[in-house]
Protein backbone atom coordinates (compact mmCIF):
# COMPACT_ATOMS: atom_id res chain seq x y z
CA MET A 1 -69.09 198.00 249.96
CA LEU A 2 -72.45 196.31 249.39
CA GLU A 3 -73.34 198.92 246.78
CA ALA A 4 -70.12 198.21 244.89
CA GLU A 5 -70.82 194.47 244.93
CA LYS A 6 -74.33 195.07 243.61
CA THR A 7 -72.97 197.26 240.80
CA ASN A 8 -70.42 194.59 239.84
CA GLU A 9 -73.15 191.96 239.81
CA ILE A 10 -75.29 194.05 237.44
CA LEU A 11 -72.32 194.72 235.14
CA MET A 12 -71.47 191.02 235.03
CA LYS A 13 -75.08 190.17 234.17
CA TYR A 14 -75.09 192.58 231.24
CA LEU A 15 -71.68 191.29 230.10
CA LEU A 16 -72.94 187.70 230.03
CA VAL A 17 -76.02 188.69 228.05
CA SER A 18 -73.89 190.64 225.58
CA ILE A 19 -71.58 187.67 225.08
CA SER A 20 -74.58 185.42 224.53
CA LEU A 21 -75.98 187.76 221.88
CA VAL A 22 -72.67 187.93 220.04
CA LEU A 23 -72.30 184.15 220.02
CA LEU A 24 -75.81 183.65 218.74
CA GLY A 25 -75.33 186.14 215.96
CA ALA A 26 -71.99 184.78 214.81
CA CYS A 27 -73.56 182.68 212.09
CA SER A 28 -75.06 185.76 210.39
CA GLU A 29 -72.27 188.33 210.44
CA GLY A 30 -72.80 189.31 214.04
CA GLU A 31 -76.55 189.93 213.83
CA LEU A 32 -79.05 188.13 216.01
CA THR A 33 -81.40 186.34 213.63
CA LEU A 34 -84.59 184.37 214.08
CA ARG A 35 -82.93 181.24 212.72
CA ALA A 36 -80.02 181.57 215.13
CA VAL A 37 -82.36 182.01 218.09
CA CYS A 38 -84.50 179.00 217.16
CA GLU A 39 -81.44 176.80 216.59
CA LYS A 40 -79.96 177.72 219.96
CA GLU A 41 -83.25 177.99 221.88
CA PRO A 42 -85.79 175.66 220.17
CA GLY A 43 -88.02 175.73 223.23
CA ILE A 44 -89.08 179.32 222.55
CA CYS A 45 -90.01 178.54 218.94
CA ASN A 46 -91.41 175.00 218.83
CA ASP A 47 -94.66 175.75 220.68
CA LEU A 48 -95.72 178.32 218.06
CA ASN A 49 -97.11 177.84 214.55
CA ASP A 50 -94.60 176.72 211.91
CA ASP A 51 -96.28 178.06 208.76
CA SER A 52 -96.34 181.50 207.14
CA HIS A 53 -99.26 182.92 209.12
CA CYS A 54 -98.55 185.81 211.51
CA ASN A 55 -94.87 185.89 210.51
CA LEU A 56 -94.18 189.38 211.85
CA GLN A 57 -95.97 188.79 215.17
CA ARG A 58 -94.29 185.39 215.56
CA ARG A 59 -90.85 186.85 214.91
CA ASP A 60 -91.33 189.71 217.39
CA LEU A 61 -92.60 187.25 219.99
CA ILE A 62 -89.68 184.85 219.59
CA MET A 63 -87.09 187.61 219.79
CA GLN A 64 -88.77 189.08 222.87
CA ARG A 65 -89.01 185.65 224.52
CA PHE A 66 -85.28 185.27 223.97
CA GLU A 67 -84.52 188.71 225.41
CA GLU A 68 -86.74 188.21 228.46
CA LYS A 69 -85.24 184.78 229.11
CA HIS A 70 -81.66 186.07 229.07
CA LEU A 71 -82.37 189.42 230.68
CA PRO A 72 -85.51 189.13 232.82
CA SER A 73 -86.87 192.51 233.89
CA ASP A 74 -90.25 194.12 234.41
CA LYS A 75 -89.76 196.13 231.22
CA ASN A 76 -89.03 193.01 229.18
CA LYS A 77 -91.95 191.15 230.77
CA TYR A 78 -94.29 193.97 229.81
CA GLN A 79 -93.06 193.98 226.21
CA LEU A 80 -93.39 190.20 226.12
CA LEU A 81 -97.01 190.48 227.27
CA ILE A 82 -97.71 192.98 224.49
CA ASP A 83 -96.05 190.77 221.86
CA LEU A 84 -97.96 187.74 223.15
CA GLU A 85 -101.24 189.62 222.83
CA LYS A 86 -100.47 190.70 219.25
CA TYR A 87 -99.50 187.18 218.27
CA SER A 88 -102.49 185.68 220.06
CA LYS A 89 -104.94 187.98 218.28
CA CYS A 90 -103.44 187.17 214.89
CA ILE A 91 -103.06 183.42 215.33
CA GLU A 92 -106.57 183.07 216.79
CA LEU A 93 -107.94 184.18 213.43
CA ALA A 94 -105.49 182.01 211.50
CA ALA A 95 -106.31 178.95 213.62
CA GLY A 96 -109.84 179.01 212.24
CA ILE A 97 -108.61 178.74 208.64
CA GLU A 98 -108.67 175.20 207.25
CA HIS A 99 -105.48 174.26 205.43
CA ILE A 100 -106.91 171.94 202.77
CA LYS A 101 -103.74 170.05 201.83
CA LEU A 102 -101.88 170.08 205.13
CA LYS A 103 -104.17 169.65 208.12
CA GLU A 104 -101.21 169.67 210.51
CA LYS A 105 -100.58 173.31 209.59
CA THR A 106 -103.94 174.25 211.06
CA SER A 107 -103.03 172.19 214.13
CA THR A 108 -99.79 174.11 214.78
CA ARG A 109 -101.71 177.38 214.64
CA MET A 110 -103.99 176.09 217.38
CA VAL A 111 -100.95 175.02 219.40
CA GLY A 112 -99.54 178.54 219.02
CA TYR A 113 -102.82 180.09 220.11
CA ILE A 114 -103.04 177.90 223.21
CA THR A 115 -99.40 178.71 224.00
CA SER A 116 -100.13 182.44 223.81
CA LEU A 117 -103.06 182.15 226.23
CA LYS A 118 -101.03 180.12 228.73
CA GLU A 119 -98.08 182.50 228.55
CA ILE A 120 -100.24 185.60 228.96
CA LYS A 121 -101.81 184.02 232.06
CA ARG A 122 -98.42 183.00 233.46
CA LEU A 123 -96.82 186.41 232.97
CA SER A 124 -99.89 188.24 234.19
CA ASP A 125 -99.82 186.26 237.44
CA GLU A 126 -96.07 186.70 237.73
CA THR A 127 -96.19 190.50 237.42
CA ILE A 128 -99.33 191.30 239.40
CA SER A 129 -97.34 192.73 242.33
CA SER A 130 -94.90 194.75 240.23
CA ASP A 131 -94.62 198.52 240.68
CA ASP A 132 -93.29 199.05 237.16
CA PRO A 133 -95.50 201.78 235.59
CA HIS A 134 -95.96 199.83 232.35
CA LEU A 135 -97.19 196.79 234.25
CA LEU A 136 -99.41 198.88 236.52
CA TYR A 137 -101.07 200.26 233.41
CA TYR A 138 -101.29 196.79 231.88
CA HIS A 139 -103.08 195.26 234.86
CA TRP A 140 -105.45 198.20 235.13
CA SER A 141 -106.29 198.36 231.43
CA ARG A 142 -106.67 194.60 230.99
CA ASN A 143 -108.21 193.60 234.32
CA LYS A 144 -109.85 196.86 235.47
CA SER A 145 -107.90 196.61 238.70
CA ASP A 146 -108.54 199.74 240.77
CA SER A 147 -105.52 199.10 243.00
CA HIS A 148 -103.23 199.08 239.96
CA LEU A 149 -104.88 202.26 238.68
CA GLN A 150 -104.29 204.08 241.95
CA ARG A 151 -100.62 203.05 241.96
CA PHE A 152 -100.34 204.13 238.33
CA LEU A 153 -101.78 207.57 239.12
CA GLN A 154 -99.42 207.83 242.08
CA ALA A 155 -96.56 207.13 239.69
CA GLU A 156 -97.79 210.14 237.70
CA GLN A 157 -97.54 212.30 240.82
CA ASN A 158 -93.99 210.99 241.34
CA ASN A 159 -92.99 211.97 237.76
CA GLN A 160 -92.36 208.31 236.85
CA LEU A 161 -94.32 208.40 233.59
CA GLU A 162 -92.02 210.63 231.56
CA THR A 163 -92.09 208.70 228.28
CA PRO A 164 -94.38 209.19 225.26
CA GLU A 165 -95.84 205.70 225.72
CA LEU A 166 -96.72 206.25 229.36
CA GLN A 167 -98.17 209.69 228.62
CA MET A 168 -100.45 207.98 226.10
CA ALA A 169 -101.38 205.46 228.78
CA LEU A 170 -102.41 208.37 231.01
CA VAL A 171 -104.52 209.80 228.20
CA SER A 172 -106.49 206.55 228.08
CA TYR A 173 -107.55 207.33 231.66
CA TYR A 174 -108.12 211.09 231.41
CA SER A 175 -109.67 211.31 227.93
CA LYS A 176 -113.21 210.82 229.22
CA ARG A 177 -112.61 212.78 232.41
CA ASP A 178 -110.54 215.85 231.54
CA ARG A 179 -110.14 216.85 227.89
CA GLU A 180 -107.83 219.80 228.57
CA LYS A 181 -105.48 217.68 230.63
CA SER A 182 -105.53 215.02 227.94
CA ILE A 183 -104.44 217.59 225.35
CA GLN A 184 -101.64 218.72 227.66
CA LEU A 185 -100.51 215.11 228.09
CA LEU A 186 -100.49 214.53 224.34
CA HIS A 187 -98.44 217.70 223.83
CA HIS A 188 -96.05 216.57 226.55
CA ALA A 189 -95.73 213.15 224.90
CA LEU A 190 -94.48 214.93 221.77
CA GLU A 191 -92.09 217.04 223.87
CA LEU A 192 -90.52 213.85 225.24
CA TYR A 193 -89.51 212.43 221.86
CA PRO A 194 -85.83 212.63 220.89
CA PRO A 195 -84.67 213.98 217.51
CA GLN A 196 -85.65 211.92 214.44
CA PRO A 197 -88.48 210.25 216.35
CA LYS A 198 -90.85 207.49 215.35
CA VAL A 199 -93.94 209.25 216.65
CA ASP A 200 -96.99 207.19 217.53
CA PRO A 201 -99.51 208.47 214.94
CA GLU A 202 -102.31 207.88 217.45
CA ILE A 203 -101.08 211.07 219.17
CA TYR A 204 -101.87 213.11 216.06
CA ALA A 205 -105.26 211.46 215.59
CA SER A 206 -106.20 211.94 219.25
CA LEU A 207 -105.26 215.61 219.20
CA SER A 208 -107.26 216.18 216.02
CA SER A 209 -110.29 214.47 217.53
CA MET A 210 -110.09 216.36 220.83
CA PHE A 211 -109.73 219.76 219.19
CA TYR A 212 -112.61 218.90 216.84
CA LYS A 213 -114.84 218.26 219.86
CA LYS A 214 -113.80 221.66 221.20
CA LYS A 215 -114.77 223.17 217.82
CA ASP A 216 -111.19 224.39 217.47
CA TYR A 217 -111.14 223.48 213.80
CA ALA A 218 -107.81 225.13 213.03
CA SER A 219 -106.00 222.98 215.57
CA SER A 220 -108.00 219.91 214.54
CA TYR A 221 -107.02 220.44 210.89
CA HIS A 222 -103.38 220.96 211.86
CA TRP A 223 -103.19 217.62 213.66
CA ALA A 224 -105.27 215.87 211.01
CA LEU A 225 -102.62 216.88 208.47
CA LEU A 226 -99.91 215.27 210.56
CA ALA A 227 -102.03 212.17 211.08
CA GLN A 228 -102.50 211.91 207.33
CA GLN A 229 -98.81 212.47 206.70
CA SER A 230 -97.95 209.65 209.11
CA GLY A 231 -99.61 207.26 206.70
CA ALA A 232 -101.39 205.44 209.50
CA PHE A 233 -104.77 207.11 209.05
CA ASN A 234 -107.00 207.82 206.08
CA VAL A 235 -108.11 211.24 207.30
CA GLU A 236 -111.07 213.01 205.70
CA LEU A 237 -110.07 216.68 205.54
CA GLN A 238 -112.87 218.13 203.43
CA GLU A 239 -115.31 218.66 206.30
CA LEU A 240 -112.63 220.47 208.31
CA LYS A 241 -111.85 222.70 205.31
CA ILE A 242 -115.50 223.73 205.16
CA TYR A 243 -115.44 224.75 208.83
CA LEU A 244 -112.23 226.69 208.24
CA GLU A 245 -113.77 228.58 205.32
CA GLN A 246 -116.83 229.43 207.42
CA ALA A 247 -114.52 230.84 210.09
CA GLN A 248 -112.50 232.66 207.40
CA LEU A 249 -109.33 230.75 208.32
CA ASP A 250 -106.65 230.09 205.72
CA HIS A 251 -105.97 226.35 205.56
CA GLU A 252 -102.76 226.98 203.59
CA LYS A 253 -101.30 228.86 206.55
CA ILE A 254 -102.28 225.94 208.81
CA LYS A 255 -100.42 223.62 206.40
CA ASP A 256 -97.33 225.79 206.84
CA THR A 257 -97.70 225.49 210.61
CA ALA A 258 -98.03 221.72 210.30
CA GLU A 259 -94.78 221.61 208.31
CA HIS A 260 -93.12 223.71 210.99
CA THR A 261 -94.39 221.34 213.68
CA MET A 262 -92.98 218.36 211.79
CA ALA A 263 -89.62 220.11 211.50
CA GLN A 264 -89.63 220.78 215.25
CA LEU A 265 -90.33 217.13 215.98
CA GLN A 266 -87.46 216.03 213.76
CA LEU A 267 -85.15 218.29 215.77
CA GLY A 268 -86.54 217.13 219.12
CA HIS A 269 -87.76 220.63 220.04
CA PHE A 270 -91.54 220.47 219.88
CA THR A 271 -93.64 223.34 221.17
CA PRO A 272 -97.48 223.35 220.88
CA PRO A 273 -98.69 225.54 218.01
CA LYS A 274 -101.08 228.39 218.61
CA PHE A 275 -103.85 229.54 216.27
């Protein structure tokens, strides 16, 4: 009976949030827009900068503040912390820029920067006891908290880190301790993506770097090609080609393998290539 009541309570909560989102988006053909959010919830917009600096980071932050306010959860708190950090880093630089004609513009950037610091501190304090794996990683990586690290590693043992993002978080721990395990984790991160994925290009770059250190130049070149194709990295391939020629390896065949790997990822059926 209690379980049924709890389920009904959760369903009602999601229903209320859904209704709220629909109402907010009514003024723009059903889509939730930044303007709609700021008109309905000015408190989550007014303490940030009001000029054109850091537009993308400001928008992401406002939308995440809205989501966390209406649907508070550890997952949303973690994402809000990440968006606050991105905005804070951007607006800190912008706050140092003098706006010659409109001094108040510089002032609102400083207000936004101070807001970001206060909010990061508030959310960090609020989530310090959470067992959510994302937040365990956050508190370890930001504050070097050994207790959070141990709980994060325990979550690994309990198979609670089965997402590409959390596998990458694990790599940040193991990369300087166990290269082979790190490679396995990166491969597993790719296995966890669904079809038509938006793969974190850092996975490709990390794999290329790790195989390079192993002097496995074929594998390193393979992943360097994918990193380059992602558009996120300006990869220098010439040095790797020289190593491949010295080892009498055909880089054109490795290109074919890279294309096959990309096709696998698009289908959601990745398997690690072998050379």
